[in-house]
Full PDB file with SEQRES, HELIX, SHEET, SSBOND, CRYST1, ORIGX, SCALE, CONECT and MASTER records, all heavy atoms in Angstrom:
SEQRES   1 A   43  ARG MET SER SER LEU LYS PRO GLU ASP ALA ALA VAL TYR          
SEQRES   2 A   43  TYR CYS ALA VAL PRO LYS ASP PRO VAL ASN TYR SER SER          
SEQRES   3 A   43  ASN TYR ASP ASP LEU PRO ALA TYR GLU TYR TRP GLY GLN          
SEQRES   4 A   43  GLY THR GLN VAL                                              
HELIX    1 AA1 PRO A    7  ASP A    9  5                                   3    
HELIX    2 AA2 PRO A   21  ASN A   23  5                                   3    
HELIX    3 AA3 TYR A   24  ASN A   27  1                                   4    
HELIX    4 AA4 LEU A   31  ALA A   33  5                                   3    
SHEET    1 AA1 2 VAL A  12  TYR A  13  0                                        
SHEET    2 AA1 2 THR A  41  GLN A  42 -1                                        
SHEET    1 AA2 2 ALA A  16  PRO A  18  0                                        
SHEET    2 AA2 2 TYR A  34  TRP A  37 -1                                        
CRYST1    1.000    1.000    1.000  90.00  90.00  90.00 P 1           1          
ORIGX1      1.000000  0.000000  0.000000        0.00000                         
ORIGX2      0.000000  1.000000  0.000000        0.00000                         
ORIGX3      0.000000  0.000000  1.000000        0.00000                         
SCALE1      1.000000  0.000000  0.000000        0.00000                         
SCALE2      0.000000  1.000000  0.000000        0.00000                         
SCALE3      0.000000  0.000000  1.000000        0.00000                         
ATOM      1  N   ARG A   1     113.748  98.635  94.549  1.00  0.00           N  
ATOM      2  CA  ARG A   1     115.065  98.033  94.512  1.00  0.00           C  
ATOM      3  C   ARG A   1     115.168  97.175  93.266  1.00  0.00           C  
ATOM      4  O   ARG A   1     114.344  96.289  93.039  1.00  0.00           O  
ATOM      5  CB  ARG A   1     115.280  97.174  95.754  1.00  0.00           C  
ATOM      6  CG  ARG A   1     116.584  96.374  95.774  1.00  0.00           C  
ATOM      7  CD  ARG A   1     117.796  97.239  95.939  1.00  0.00           C  
ATOM      8  NE  ARG A   1     119.029  96.466  96.010  1.00  0.00           N  
ATOM      9  CZ  ARG A   1     120.240  96.996  96.072  1.00  0.00           C  
ATOM     10  NH1 ARG A   1     120.387  98.311  96.075  1.00  0.00           N  
ATOM     11  NH2 ARG A   1     121.296  96.225  96.144  1.00  0.00           N  
ATOM     12  N   MET A   2     116.151  97.473  92.427  1.00  0.00           N  
ATOM     13  CA  MET A   2     116.328  96.751  91.172  1.00  0.00           C  
ATOM     14  C   MET A   2     117.706  96.107  91.165  1.00  0.00           C  
ATOM     15  O   MET A   2     118.716  96.786  91.371  1.00  0.00           O  
ATOM     16  CB  MET A   2     116.193  97.701  89.985  1.00  0.00           C  
ATOM     17  CG  MET A   2     114.898  98.507  89.999  1.00  0.00           C  
ATOM     18  SD  MET A   2     114.679  99.517  88.521  1.00  0.00           S  
ATOM     19  CE  MET A   2     116.031 100.671  88.703  1.00  0.00           C  
ATOM     20  N   SER A   3     117.731  94.815  90.940  1.00  0.00           N  
ATOM     21  CA  SER A   3     119.000  94.117  90.884  1.00  0.00           C  
ATOM     22  C   SER A   3     119.076  93.286  89.605  1.00  0.00           C  
ATOM     23  O   SER A   3     118.068  93.139  88.897  1.00  0.00           O  
ATOM     24  CB  SER A   3     119.179  93.224  92.112  1.00  0.00           C  
ATOM     25  OG  SER A   3     118.131  92.270  92.179  1.00  0.00           O  
ATOM     26  N   SER A   4     120.242  92.772  89.320  1.00  0.00           N  
ATOM     27  CA  SER A   4     120.466  92.001  88.087  1.00  0.00           C  
ATOM     28  C   SER A   4     119.901  92.740  86.877  1.00  0.00           C  
ATOM     29  O   SER A   4     119.211  92.165  86.038  1.00  0.00           O  
ATOM     30  CB  SER A   4     119.822  90.611  88.196  1.00  0.00           C  
ATOM     31  OG  SER A   4     120.355  89.894  89.291  1.00  0.00           O  
ATOM     32  N   LEU A   5     120.203  94.015  86.814  1.00  0.00           N  
ATOM     33  CA  LEU A   5     119.630  94.860  85.769  1.00  0.00           C  
ATOM     34  C   LEU A   5     120.084  94.420  84.381  1.00  0.00           C  
ATOM     35  O   LEU A   5     121.232  93.986  84.188  1.00  0.00           O  
ATOM     36  CB  LEU A   5     119.992  96.314  86.015  1.00  0.00           C  
ATOM     37  CG  LEU A   5     119.145  96.995  87.101  1.00  0.00           C  
ATOM     38  CD1 LEU A   5     119.815  98.249  87.608  1.00  0.00           C  
ATOM     39  CD2 LEU A   5     117.761  97.308  86.554  1.00  0.00           C  
ATOM     40  N   LYS A   6     119.163  94.543  83.437  1.00  0.00           N  
ATOM     41  CA  LYS A   6     119.401  94.180  82.053  1.00  0.00           C  
ATOM     42  C   LYS A   6     119.288  95.437  81.192  1.00  0.00           C  
ATOM     43  O   LYS A   6     118.601  96.394  81.571  1.00  0.00           O  
ATOM     44  CB  LYS A   6     118.362  93.148  81.593  1.00  0.00           C  
ATOM     45  CG  LYS A   6     118.277  91.907  82.468  1.00  0.00           C  
ATOM     46  CD  LYS A   6     117.133  91.016  82.013  1.00  0.00           C  
ATOM     47  CE  LYS A   6     116.979  89.793  82.900  1.00  0.00           C  
ATOM     48  NZ  LYS A   6     115.841  88.938  82.464  1.00  0.00           N  
ATOM     49  N   PRO A   7     119.920  95.429  80.020  1.00  0.00           N  
ATOM     50  CA  PRO A   7     119.788  96.602  79.140  1.00  0.00           C  
ATOM     51  C   PRO A   7     118.331  96.953  78.836  1.00  0.00           C  
ATOM     52  O   PRO A   7     117.998  98.137  78.697  1.00  0.00           O  
ATOM     53  CB  PRO A   7     120.539  96.167  77.880  1.00  0.00           C  
ATOM     54  CG  PRO A   7     121.580  95.217  78.394  1.00  0.00           C  
ATOM     55  CD  PRO A   7     120.898  94.471  79.511  1.00  0.00           C  
ATOM     56  N   GLU A   8     117.460  95.962  78.774  1.00  0.00           N  
ATOM     57  CA  GLU A   8     116.049  96.239  78.485  1.00  0.00           C  
ATOM     58  C   GLU A   8     115.301  96.880  79.646  1.00  0.00           C  
ATOM     59  O   GLU A   8     114.153  97.289  79.498  1.00  0.00           O  
ATOM     60  CB  GLU A   8     115.315  94.960  78.045  1.00  0.00           C  
ATOM     61  CG  GLU A   8     115.461  93.795  78.999  1.00  0.00           C  
ATOM     62  CD  GLU A   8     116.554  92.838  78.568  1.00  0.00           C  
ATOM     63  OE1 GLU A   8     117.643  93.303  78.133  1.00  0.00           O  
ATOM     64  OE2 GLU A   8     116.335  91.622  78.678  1.00  0.00           O  
ATOM     65  N   ASP A   9     115.942  96.969  80.808  1.00  0.00           N  
ATOM     66  CA  ASP A   9     115.342  97.682  81.939  1.00  0.00           C  
ATOM     67  C   ASP A   9     115.575  99.186  81.838  1.00  0.00           C  
ATOM     68  O   ASP A   9     115.001  99.954  82.620  1.00  0.00           O  
ATOM     69  CB  ASP A   9     115.936  97.189  83.263  1.00  0.00           C  
ATOM     70  CG  ASP A   9     115.566  95.743  83.568  1.00  0.00           C  
ATOM     71  OD1 ASP A   9     114.405  95.364  83.327  1.00  0.00           O  
ATOM     72  OD2 ASP A   9     116.454  95.005  84.047  1.00  0.00           O  
ATOM     73  N   ALA A  10     116.415  99.598  80.917  1.00  0.00           N  
ATOM     74  CA  ALA A  10     116.694 101.024  80.766  1.00  0.00           C  
ATOM     75  C   ALA A  10     115.435 101.778  80.368  1.00  0.00           C  
ATOM     76  O   ALA A  10     114.726 101.377  79.441  1.00  0.00           O  
ATOM     77  CB  ALA A  10     117.784 101.237  79.720  1.00  0.00           C  
ATOM     78  N   ALA A  11     115.154 102.846  81.085  1.00  0.00           N  
ATOM     79  CA  ALA A  11     113.930 103.623  80.857  1.00  0.00           C  
ATOM     80  C   ALA A  11     113.942 104.813  81.807  1.00  0.00           C  
ATOM     81  O   ALA A  11     114.803 104.913  82.681  1.00  0.00           O  
ATOM     82  CB  ALA A  11     112.694 102.764  81.113  1.00  0.00           C  
ATOM     83  N   VAL A  12     112.964 105.676  81.627  1.00  0.00           N  
ATOM     84  CA  VAL A  12     112.679 106.682  82.643  1.00  0.00           C  
ATOM     85  C   VAL A  12     111.653 106.064  83.582  1.00  0.00           C  
ATOM     86  O   VAL A  12     110.611 105.565  83.138  1.00  0.00           O  
ATOM     87  CB  VAL A  12     112.142 107.984  82.036  1.00  0.00           C  
ATOM     88  CG1 VAL A  12     111.820 108.988  83.146  1.00  0.00           C  
ATOM     89  CG2 VAL A  12     113.153 108.568  81.060  1.00  0.00           C  
ATOM     90  N   TYR A  13     111.957 106.076  84.846  1.00  0.00           N  
ATOM     91  CA  TYR A  13     111.078 105.485  85.850  1.00  0.00           C  
ATOM     92  C   TYR A  13     110.335 106.600  86.564  1.00  0.00           C  
ATOM     93  O   TYR A  13     110.933 107.587  87.004  1.00  0.00           O  
ATOM     94  CB  TYR A  13     111.891 104.661  86.842  1.00  0.00           C  
ATOM     95  CG  TYR A  13     112.307 103.315  86.279  1.00  0.00           C  
ATOM     96  CD1 TYR A  13     113.296 103.237  85.295  1.00  0.00           C  
ATOM     97  CD2 TYR A  13     111.699 102.140  86.702  1.00  0.00           C  
ATOM     98  CE1 TYR A  13     113.665 102.006  84.755  1.00  0.00           C  
ATOM     99  CE2 TYR A  13     112.055 100.906  86.170  1.00  0.00           C  
ATOM    100  CZ  TYR A  13     113.038 100.851  85.202  1.00  0.00           C  
ATOM    101  OH  TYR A  13     113.397  99.643  84.666  1.00  0.00           O  
ATOM    102  N   TYR A  14     109.018 106.425  86.663  1.00  0.00           N  
ATOM    103  CA  TYR A  14     108.146 107.407  87.289  1.00  0.00           C  
ATOM    104  C   TYR A  14     107.414 106.785  88.468  1.00  0.00           C  
ATOM    105  O   TYR A  14     106.992 105.621  88.406  1.00  0.00           O  
ATOM    106  CB  TYR A  14     107.083 107.893  86.304  1.00  0.00           C  
ATOM    107  CG  TYR A  14     107.602 108.571  85.070  1.00  0.00           C  
ATOM    108  CD1 TYR A  14     107.911 107.843  83.918  1.00  0.00           C  
ATOM    109  CD2 TYR A  14     107.759 109.951  85.025  1.00  0.00           C  
ATOM    110  CE1 TYR A  14     108.374 108.459  82.770  1.00  0.00           C  
ATOM    111  CE2 TYR A  14     108.214 110.589  83.886  1.00  0.00           C  
ATOM    112  CZ  TYR A  14     108.522 109.827  82.774  1.00  0.00           C  
ATOM    113  OH  TYR A  14     108.976 110.464  81.642  1.00  0.00           O  
ATOM    114  N   CYS A  15     107.230 107.556  89.497  1.00  0.00           N  
ATOM    115  CA  CYS A  15     106.309 107.119  90.537  1.00  0.00           C  
ATOM    116  C   CYS A  15     105.001 107.884  90.370  1.00  0.00           C  
ATOM    117  O   CYS A  15     104.965 108.974  89.789  1.00  0.00           O  
ATOM    118  CB  CYS A  15     106.884 107.285  91.932  1.00  0.00           C  
ATOM    119  SG  CYS A  15     107.177 108.961  92.459  1.00  0.00           S  
ATOM    120  N   ALA A  16     103.945 107.287  90.881  1.00  0.00           N  
ATOM    121  CA  ALA A  16     102.619 107.858  90.672  1.00  0.00           C  
ATOM    122  C   ALA A  16     101.697 107.495  91.825  1.00  0.00           C  
ATOM    123  O   ALA A  16     101.860 106.453  92.466  1.00  0.00           O  
ATOM    124  CB  ALA A  16     102.027 107.357  89.357  1.00  0.00           C  
ATOM    125  N   VAL A  17     100.722 108.356  92.033  1.00  0.00           N  
ATOM    126  CA  VAL A  17      99.716 108.157  93.074  1.00  0.00           C  
ATOM    127  C   VAL A  17      98.358 108.051  92.407  1.00  0.00           C  
ATOM    128  O   VAL A  17      98.009 108.903  91.578  1.00  0.00           O  
ATOM    129  CB  VAL A  17      99.737 109.325  94.082  1.00  0.00           C  
ATOM    130  CG1 VAL A  17      98.514 109.285  94.986  1.00  0.00           C  
ATOM    131  CG2 VAL A  17     101.013 109.283  94.907  1.00  0.00           C  
ATOM    132  N   PRO A  18      97.577 107.044  92.765  1.00  0.00           N  
ATOM    133  CA  PRO A  18      96.286 106.866  92.105  1.00  0.00           C  
ATOM    134  C   PRO A  18      95.228 107.845  92.615  1.00  0.00           C  
ATOM    135  O   PRO A  18      95.323 108.389  93.700  1.00  0.00           O  
ATOM    136  CB  PRO A  18      95.897 105.434  92.480  1.00  0.00           C  
ATOM    137  CG  PRO A  18      96.558 105.215  93.799  1.00  0.00           C  
ATOM    138  CD  PRO A  18      97.850 105.970  93.731  1.00  0.00           C  
ATOM    139  N   LYS A  19      94.201 108.051  91.764  1.00  0.00           N  
ATOM    140  CA  LYS A  19      93.090 108.918  92.155  1.00  0.00           C  
ATOM    141  C   LYS A  19      92.302 108.281  93.286  1.00  0.00           C  
ATOM    142  O   LYS A  19      91.795 108.966  94.170  1.00  0.00           O  
ATOM    143  CB  LYS A  19      92.165 109.131  90.947  1.00  0.00           C  
ATOM    144  CG  LYS A  19      92.816 109.797  89.758  1.00  0.00           C  
ATOM    145  CD  LYS A  19      91.864 109.816  88.572  1.00  0.00           C  
ATOM    146  CE  LYS A  19      92.547 110.355  87.331  1.00  0.00           C  
ATOM    147  NZ  LYS A  19      91.665 110.298  86.143  1.00  0.00           N  
ATOM    148  N   ASP A  20      92.129 106.978  93.206  1.00  0.00           N  
ATOM    149  CA  ASP A  20      91.230 106.284  94.124  1.00  0.00           C  
ATOM    150  C   ASP A  20      91.938 105.078  94.736  1.00  0.00           C  
ATOM    151  O   ASP A  20      91.883 103.986  94.183  1.00  0.00           O  
ATOM    152  CB  ASP A  20      89.974 105.844  93.370  1.00  0.00           C  
ATOM    153  CG  ASP A  20      88.994 105.099  94.252  1.00  0.00           C  
ATOM    154  OD1 ASP A  20      89.174 105.115  95.491  1.00  0.00           O  
ATOM    155  OD2 ASP A  20      88.059 104.479  93.709  1.00  0.00           O  
ATOM    156  N   PRO A  21      92.581 105.264  95.870  1.00  0.00           N  
ATOM    157  CA  PRO A  21      93.317 104.147  96.459  1.00  0.00           C  
ATOM    158  C   PRO A  21      92.419 103.001  96.905  1.00  0.00           C  
ATOM    159  O   PRO A  21      92.871 101.864  97.034  1.00  0.00           O  
ATOM    160  CB  PRO A  21      94.040 104.784  97.638  1.00  0.00           C  
ATOM    161  CG  PRO A  21      93.255 106.006  97.956  1.00  0.00           C  
ATOM    162  CD  PRO A  21      92.707 106.487  96.657  1.00  0.00           C  
ATOM    163  N   VAL A  22      91.146 103.283  97.107  1.00  0.00           N  
ATOM    164  CA  VAL A  22      90.228 102.236  97.559  1.00  0.00           C  
ATOM    165  C   VAL A  22      90.134 101.120  96.520  1.00  0.00           C  
ATOM    166  O   VAL A  22      90.079  99.944  96.850  1.00  0.00           O  
ATOM    167  CB  VAL A  22      88.841 102.836  97.839  1.00  0.00           C  
ATOM    168  CG1 VAL A  22      87.835 101.734  98.141  1.00  0.00           C  
ATOM    169  CG2 VAL A  22      88.915 103.826  98.993  1.00  0.00           C  
ATOM    170  N   ASN A  23      90.138 101.507  95.245  1.00  0.00           N  
ATOM    171  CA  ASN A  23      90.021 100.523  94.163  1.00  0.00           C  
ATOM    172  C   ASN A  23      91.365 100.163  93.546  1.00  0.00           C  
ATOM    173  O   ASN A  23      91.428  99.619  92.448  1.00  0.00           O  
ATOM    174  CB  ASN A  23      89.098 101.062  93.070  1.00  0.00           C  
ATOM    175  CG  ASN A  23      87.676 101.199  93.561  1.00  0.00           C  
ATOM    176  OD1 ASN A  23      87.136 100.270  94.161  1.00  0.00           O  
ATOM    177  ND2 ASN A  23      87.064 102.346  93.318  1.00  0.00           N  
ATOM    178  N   TYR A  24      92.406 100.456  94.253  1.00  0.00           N  
ATOM    179  CA  TYR A  24      93.758 100.271  93.718  1.00  0.00           C  
ATOM    180  C   TYR A  24      94.014  98.838  93.271  1.00  0.00           C  
ATOM    181  O   TYR A  24      94.628  98.607  92.226  1.00  0.00           O  
ATOM    182  CB  TYR A  24      94.769 100.680  94.787  1.00  0.00           C  
ATOM    183  CG  TYR A  24      96.210 100.566  94.372  1.00  0.00           C  
ATOM    184  CD1 TYR A  24      96.752 101.413  93.412  1.00  0.00           C  
ATOM    185  CD2 TYR A  24      97.050  99.626  94.961  1.00  0.00           C  
ATOM    186  CE1 TYR A  24      98.075 101.322  93.041  1.00  0.00           C  
ATOM    187  CE2 TYR A  24      98.381  99.530  94.597  1.00  0.00           C  
ATOM    188  CZ  TYR A  24      98.890 100.374  93.643  1.00  0.00           C  
ATOM    189  OH  TYR A  24     100.208 100.280  93.277  1.00  0.00           O  
ATOM    190  N   SER A  25      93.553  97.877  94.009  1.00  0.00           N  
ATOM    191  CA  SER A  25      93.847  96.481  93.692  1.00  0.00           C  
ATOM    192  C   SER A  25      93.225  96.037  92.363  1.00  0.00           C  
ATOM    193  O   SER A  25      93.644  95.031  91.791  1.00  0.00           O  
ATOM    194  CB  SER A  25      93.379  95.560  94.814  1.00  0.00           C  
ATOM    195  OG  SER A  25      91.980  95.677  94.989  1.00  0.00           O  
ATOM    196  N   SER A  26      92.264  96.795  91.864  1.00  0.00           N  
ATOM    197  CA  SER A  26      91.610  96.409  90.611  1.00  0.00           C  
ATOM    198  C   SER A  26      92.081  97.231  89.414  1.00  0.00           C  
ATOM    199  O   SER A  26      91.788  96.867  88.270  1.00  0.00           O  
ATOM    200  CB  SER A  26      90.097  96.531  90.757  1.00  0.00           C  
ATOM    201  OG  SER A  26      89.726  97.868  91.028  1.00  0.00           O  
ATOM    202  N   ASN A  27      92.785  98.325  89.640  1.00  0.00           N  
ATOM    203  CA  ASN A  27      93.202  99.163  88.517  1.00  0.00           C  
ATOM    204  C   ASN A  27      94.611  99.713  88.649  1.00  0.00           C  
ATOM    205  O   ASN A  27      94.948 100.722  88.047  1.00  0.00           O  
ATOM    206  CB  ASN A  27      92.220 100.311  88.312  1.00  0.00           C  
ATOM    207  CG  ASN A  27      92.118 101.218  89.518  1.00  0.00           C  
ATOM    208  OD1 ASN A  27      92.935 101.130  90.437  1.00  0.00           O  
ATOM    209  ND2 ASN A  27      91.132 102.094  89.534  1.00  0.00           N  
ATOM    210  N   TYR A  28      95.458  99.021  89.391  1.00  0.00           N  
ATOM    211  CA  TYR A  28      96.792  99.556  89.681  1.00  0.00           C  
ATOM    212  C   TYR A  28      97.643  99.707  88.427  1.00  0.00           C  
ATOM    213  O   TYR A  28      98.581 100.476  88.415  1.00  0.00           O  
ATOM    214  CB  TYR A  28      97.513  98.681  90.699  1.00  0.00           C  
ATOM    215  CG  TYR A  28      97.631  97.231  90.324  1.00  0.00           C  
ATOM    216  CD1 TYR A  28      98.617  96.790  89.462  1.00  0.00           C  
ATOM    217  CD2 TYR A  28      96.739  96.295  90.830  1.00  0.00           C  
ATOM    218  CE1 TYR A  28      98.723  95.457  89.113  1.00  0.00           C  
ATOM    219  CE2 TYR A  28      96.832  94.952  90.489  1.00  0.00           C  
ATOM    220  CZ  TYR A  28      97.832  94.545  89.635  1.00  0.00           C  
ATOM    221  OH  TYR A  28      97.924  93.234  89.287  1.00  0.00           O  
ATOM    222  N   ASP A  29      97.360  98.956  87.362  1.00  0.00           N  
ATOM    223  CA  ASP A  29      98.185  99.048  86.164  1.00  0.00           C  
ATOM    224  C   ASP A  29      97.533  99.882  85.068  1.00  0.00           C  
ATOM    225  O   ASP A  29      97.975  99.864  83.909  1.00  0.00           O  
ATOM    226  CB  ASP A  29      98.531  97.667  85.628  1.00  0.00           C  
ATOM    227  CG  ASP A  29      97.300  96.831  85.328  1.00  0.00           C  
ATOM    228  OD1 ASP A  29      96.185  97.267  85.656  1.00  0.00           O  
ATOM    229  OD2 ASP A  29      97.448  95.732  84.768  1.00  0.00           O  
ATOM    230  N   ASP A  30      96.499 100.638  85.429  1.00  0.00           N  
ATOM    231  CA  ASP A  30      95.727 101.421  84.469  1.00  0.00           C  
ATOM    232  C   ASP A  30      96.184 102.881  84.533  1.00  0.00           C  
ATOM    233  O   ASP A  30      95.954 103.577  85.518  1.00  0.00           O  
ATOM    234  CB  ASP A  30      94.244 101.294  84.813  1.00  0.00           C  
ATOM    235  CG  ASP A  30      93.375 101.910  83.766  1.00  0.00           C  
ATOM    236  OD1 ASP A  30      93.883 102.246  82.678  1.00  0.00           O  
ATOM    237  OD2 ASP A  30      92.160 102.060  84.022  1.00  0.00           O  
ATOM    238  N   LEU A  31      96.822 103.372  83.470  1.00  0.00           N  
ATOM    239  CA  LEU A  31      97.365 104.723  83.482  1.00  0.00           C  
ATOM    240  C   LEU A  31      96.343 105.800  83.876  1.00  0.00           C  
ATOM    241  O   LEU A  31      96.660 106.671  84.671  1.00  0.00           O  
ATOM    242  CB  LEU A  31      97.951 105.054  82.114  1.00  0.00           C  
ATOM    243  CG  LEU A  31      99.364 104.545  81.826  1.00  0.00           C  
ATOM    244  CD1 LEU A  31      99.709 104.785  80.362  1.00  0.00           C  
ATOM    245  CD2 LEU A  31     100.379 105.219  82.720  1.00  0.00           C  
ATOM    246  N   PRO A  32      95.130 105.777  83.321  1.00  0.00           N  
ATOM    247  CA  PRO A  32      94.153 106.825  83.683  1.00  0.00           C  
ATOM    248  C   PRO A  32      93.743 106.808  85.154  1.00  0.00           C  
ATOM    249  O   PRO A  32      93.109 107.759  85.619  1.00  0.00           O  
ATOM    250  CB  PRO A  32      92.950 106.502  82.788  1.00  0.00           C  
ATOM    251  CG  PRO A  32      93.512 105.747  81.644  1.00  0.00           C  
ATOM    252  CD  PRO A  32      94.626 104.932  82.241  1.00  0.00           C  
ATOM    253  N   ALA A  33      94.097 105.752  85.858  1.00  0.00           N  
ATOM    254  CA  ALA A  33      93.733 105.680  87.279  1.00  0.00           C  
ATOM    255  C   ALA A  33      94.616 106.555  88.145  1.00  0.00           C  
ATOM    256  O   ALA A  33      94.358 106.699  89.339  1.00  0.00           O  
ATOM    257  CB  ALA A  33      93.798 104.235  87.765  1.00  0.00           C  
ATOM    258  N   TYR A  34      95.663 107.144  87.551  1.00  0.00           N  
ATOM    259  CA  TYR A  34      96.624 107.902  88.339  1.00  0.00           C  
ATOM    260  C   TYR A  34      96.418 109.394  88.214  1.00  0.00           C  
ATOM    261  O   TYR A  34      96.156 109.916  87.139  1.00  0.00           O  
ATOM    262  CB  TYR A  34      98.051 107.506  87.948  1.00  0.00           C  
ATOM    263  CG  TYR A  34      98.362 106.126  88.451  1.00  0.00           C  
ATOM    264  CD1 TYR A  34      97.971 105.002  87.733  1.00  0.00           C  
ATOM    265  CD2 TYR A  34      98.965 105.942  89.687  1.00  0.00           C  
ATOM    266  CE1 TYR A  34      98.206 103.733  88.230  1.00  0.00           C  
ATOM    267  CE2 TYR A  34      99.207 104.674  90.184  1.00  0.00           C  
ATOM    268  CZ  TYR A  34      98.813 103.570  89.457  1.00  0.00           C  
ATOM    269  OH  TYR A  34      99.031 102.307  89.951  1.00  0.00           O  
ATOM    270  N   GLU A  35      96.579 110.051  89.358  1.00  0.00           N  
ATOM    271  CA  GLU A  35      96.324 111.492  89.413  1.00  0.00           C  
ATOM    272  C   GLU A  35      97.607 112.313  89.457  1.00  0.00           C  
ATOM    273  O   GLU A  35      97.661 113.401  88.900  1.00  0.00           O  
ATOM    274  CB  GLU A  35      95.470 111.788  90.648  1.00  0.00           C  
ATOM    275  CG  GLU A  35      95.048 113.236  90.804  1.00  0.00           C  
ATOM    276  CD  GLU A  35      94.044 113.415  91.915  1.00  0.00           C  
ATOM    277  OE1 GLU A  35      93.898 112.505  92.750  1.00  0.00           O  
ATOM    278  OE2 GLU A  35      93.391 114.475  91.948  1.00  0.00           O  
ATOM    279  N   TYR A  36      98.611 111.786  90.125  1.00  0.00           N  
ATOM    280  CA  TYR A  36      99.845 112.556  90.301  1.00  0.00           C  
ATOM    281  C   TYR A  36     101.035 111.734  89.836  1.00  0.00           C  
ATOM    282  O   TYR A  36     101.115 110.513  90.072  1.00  0.00           O  
ATOM    283  CB  TYR A  36     100.034 112.933  91.778  1.00  0.00           C  
ATOM    284  CG  TYR A  36      98.927 113.799  92.313  1.00  0.00           C  
ATOM    285  CD1 TYR A  36      97.958 113.268  93.158  1.00  0.00           C  
ATOM    286  CD2 TYR A  36      98.850 115.146  91.975  1.00  0.00           C  
ATOM    287  CE1 TYR A  36      96.942 114.053  93.662  1.00  0.00           C  
ATOM    288  CE2 TYR A  36      97.831 115.942  92.470  1.00  0.00           C  
ATOM    289  CZ  TYR A  36      96.880 115.391  93.309  1.00  0.00           C  
ATOM    290  OH  TYR A  36      95.873 116.175  93.797  1.00  0.00           O  
ATOM    291  N   TRP A  37     101.962 112.435  89.214  1.00  0.00           N  
ATOM    292  CA  TRP A  37     103.168 111.808  88.682  1.00  0.00           C  
ATOM    293  C   TRP A  37     104.397 112.598  89.091  1.00  0.00           C  
ATOM    294  O   TRP A  37     104.347 113.824  89.201  1.00  0.00           O  
ATOM    295  CB  TRP A  37     103.114 111.750  87.154  1.00  0.00           C  
ATOM    296  CG  TRP A  37     102.040 110.875  86.634  1.00  0.00           C  
ATOM    297  CD1 TRP A  37     100.742 111.205  86.404  1.00  0.00           C  
ATOM    298  CD2 TRP A  37     102.163 109.499  86.259  1.00  0.00           C  
ATOM    299  NE1 TRP A  37     100.047 110.126  85.922  1.00  0.00           N  
ATOM    300  CE2 TRP A  37     100.910 109.061  85.818  1.00  0.00           C  
ATOM    301  CE3 TRP A  37     103.232 108.586  86.259  1.00  0.00           C  
ATOM    302  CZ2 TRP A  37     100.674 107.752  85.384  1.00  0.00           C  
ATOM    303  CZ3 TRP A  37     103.012 107.297  85.829  1.00  0.00           C  
ATOM    304  CH2 TRP A  37     101.738 106.883  85.390  1.00  0.00           C  
ATOM    305  N   GLY A  38     105.486 111.882  89.294  1.00  0.00           N  
ATOM    306  CA  GLY A  38     106.756 112.546  89.493  1.00  0.00           C  
ATOM    307  C   GLY A  38     107.361 112.938  88.160  1.00  0.00           C  
ATOM    308  O   GLY A  38     106.791 112.667  87.095  1.00  0.00           O  
ATOM    309  N   GLN A  39     108.536 113.547  88.216  1.00  0.00           N  
ATOM    310  CA  GLN A  39     109.185 114.030  87.006  1.00  0.00           C  
ATOM    311  C   GLN A  39     109.979 112.934  86.311  1.00  0.00           C  
ATOM    312  O   GLN A  39     110.380 113.103  85.160  1.00  0.00           O  
ATOM    313  CB  GLN A  39     110.102 115.210  87.329  1.00  0.00           C  
ATOM    314  CG  GLN A  39     111.484 114.859  87.866  1.00  0.00           C  
ATOM    315  CD  GLN A  39     111.463 114.306  89.287  1.00  0.00           C  
ATOM    316  OE1 GLN A  39     110.445 114.345  89.971  1.00  0.00           O  
ATOM    317  NE2 GLN A  39     112.606 113.803  89.748  1.00  0.00           N  
ATOM    318  N   GLY A  40     110.203 111.835  86.991  1.00  0.00           N  
ATOM    319  CA  GLY A  40     110.919 110.704  86.408  1.00  0.00           C  
ATOM    320  C   GLY A  40     112.395 110.720  86.733  1.00  0.00           C  
ATOM    321  O   GLY A  40     112.989 111.777  86.975  1.00  0.00           O  
ATOM    322  N   THR A  41     112.974 109.549  86.751  1.00  0.00           N  
ATOM    323  CA  THR A  41     114.414 109.407  86.944  1.00  0.00           C  
ATOM    324  C   THR A  41     114.927 108.410  85.908  1.00  0.00           C  
ATOM    325  O   THR A  41     114.331 107.346  85.709  1.00  0.00           O  
ATOM    326  CB  THR A  41     114.756 108.970  88.387  1.00  0.00           C  
ATOM    327  OG1 THR A  41     116.170 108.952  88.562  1.00  0.00           O  
ATOM    328  CG2 THR A  41     114.192 107.600  88.731  1.00  0.00           C  
ATOM    329  N   GLN A  42     116.020 108.782  85.242  1.00  0.00           N  
ATOM    330  CA  GLN A  42     116.533 107.981  84.143  1.00  0.00           C  
ATOM    331  C   GLN A  42     117.371 106.823  84.670  1.00  0.00           C  
ATOM    332  O   GLN A  42     118.260 107.015  85.502  1.00  0.00           O  
ATOM    333  CB  GLN A  42     117.392 108.845  83.225  1.00  0.00           C  
ATOM    334  CG  GLN A  42     118.057 108.096  82.076  1.00  0.00           C  
ATOM    335  CD  GLN A  42     117.071 107.676  81.013  1.00  0.00           C  
ATOM    336  OE1 GLN A  42     116.306 108.489  80.498  1.00  0.00           O  
ATOM    337  NE2 GLN A  42     117.093 106.393  80.651  1.00  0.00           N  
ATOM    338  N   VAL A  43     117.105 105.653  84.158  1.00  0.00           N  
ATOM    339  CA  VAL A  43     117.929 104.475  84.441  1.00  0.00           C  
ATOM    340  C   VAL A  43     118.548 104.017  83.125  1.00  0.00           C  
ATOM    341  O   VAL A  43     117.830 103.759  82.158  1.00  0.00           O  
ATOM    342  CB  VAL A  43     117.088 103.344  85.059  1.00  0.00           C  
ATOM    343  CG1 VAL A  43     117.906 102.051  85.143  1.00  0.00           C  
ATOM    344  CG2 VAL A  43     116.590 103.756  86.439  1.00  0.00           C  
TER     345      VAL A  43                                                      
MASTER        0    0    0    4    4    0    0    6  344    1    0    4          
END                                                                             
């Protein structure tokens, strides 16, 4: 849920599933930690 949107929020937004959910709390912002990606949705 995105509110008070700003022009700088414009982007393609992707959802992703990590390879190893057990260690998610330590690498959630690490791109290589993800195994599956959606096609993206433009905002």
